[in-house]
């Protein structure tokens, strides 16, 4: 009998099986690295202003 194979299965390693093809900072992502929180907030505020002006 193969005692090594007996017992409960091993838990996962808690990591993805593959890397995403469009991960932030990779060569395939045309927009480059992830933006900072300040840049994101500025972009969101500008979009809200533009939407408010259109209405």
Protein backbone atom coordinates (compact mmCIF):
# COMPACT_ATOMS: atom_id res chain seq x y z
CA UNK A 1 0.00 0.00 0.00
CA UNK A 2 1.15 3.52 -0.78
CA UNK A 3 0.98 5.26 2.58
CA UNK A 4 2.35 8.51 1.17
CA UNK A 5 -0.78 9.02 -0.96
CA UNK A 6 -3.16 8.36 1.95
CA UNK A 7 -4.70 11.12 3.99
CA UNK A 8 -6.40 14.39 3.26
CA UNK A 9 -5.54 16.36 0.13
CA UNK A 10 -3.07 19.24 0.35
CA UNK A 11 -4.41 22.75 0.63
CA UNK A 12 -3.90 25.24 -2.18
CA UNK A 13 -1.03 27.69 -2.19
CA UNK A 14 -3.41 30.70 -2.25
CA UNK A 15 -1.98 32.10 -5.46
CA UNK A 16 -3.44 32.31 -8.95
CA UNK A 17 -2.64 29.55 -11.42
CA UNK A 18 -1.62 32.11 -14.04
CA UNK A 19 -0.82 35.79 -14.30
CA UNK A 20 -3.38 38.06 -15.88
CA UNK A 21 -2.65 39.13 -19.43
CA UNK A 22 -3.51 42.75 -18.65
CA UNK A 23 -2.02 43.13 -15.18
CA UNK A 24 -1.03 46.62 -14.05
CA UNK A 25 2.56 47.43 -14.93
CA UNK A 26 2.95 44.62 -17.47
CA UNK A 27 4.07 45.20 -21.02
CA UNK A 28 0.71 44.23 -22.48
CA UNK A 29 -1.24 46.87 -20.58
CA UNK A 30 -1.33 49.93 -22.84
CA UNK A 31 -1.99 52.33 -19.98
CA UNK A 32 1.09 51.47 -17.92
CA UNK A 33 1.18 51.38 -14.15
CA UNK A 34 -1.65 51.91 -11.71
CA UNK A 35 -2.52 55.54 -11.00
CA UNK A 36 -2.18 57.01 -7.52
CA UNK A 37 -5.20 57.76 -5.35
CA UNK A 38 -4.79 61.51 -5.85
CA UNK A 39 -4.77 61.11 -9.64
CA UNK A 40 -7.83 58.85 -9.46
CA UNK A 41 -9.76 61.34 -7.32
CA UNK A 42 -8.83 64.21 -9.64
CA UNK A 43 -10.04 62.24 -12.66
CA UNK A 44 -13.29 61.30 -10.89
CA UNK A 45 -13.94 64.93 -9.84
CA UNK A 46 -13.30 66.16 -13.38
CA UNK A 47 -15.74 63.59 -14.75
CA UNK A 48 -18.36 64.60 -12.17
CA UNK A 49 -17.94 68.28 -13.11
CA UNK A 50 -18.26 67.47 -16.81
CA UNK A 51 -21.40 65.44 -16.14
CA UNK A 52 -22.86 68.23 -13.99
CA UNK A 53 -22.20 70.79 -16.72
CA UNK A 54 -23.93 68.64 -19.34
CA UNK A 55 -27.11 68.33 -17.29
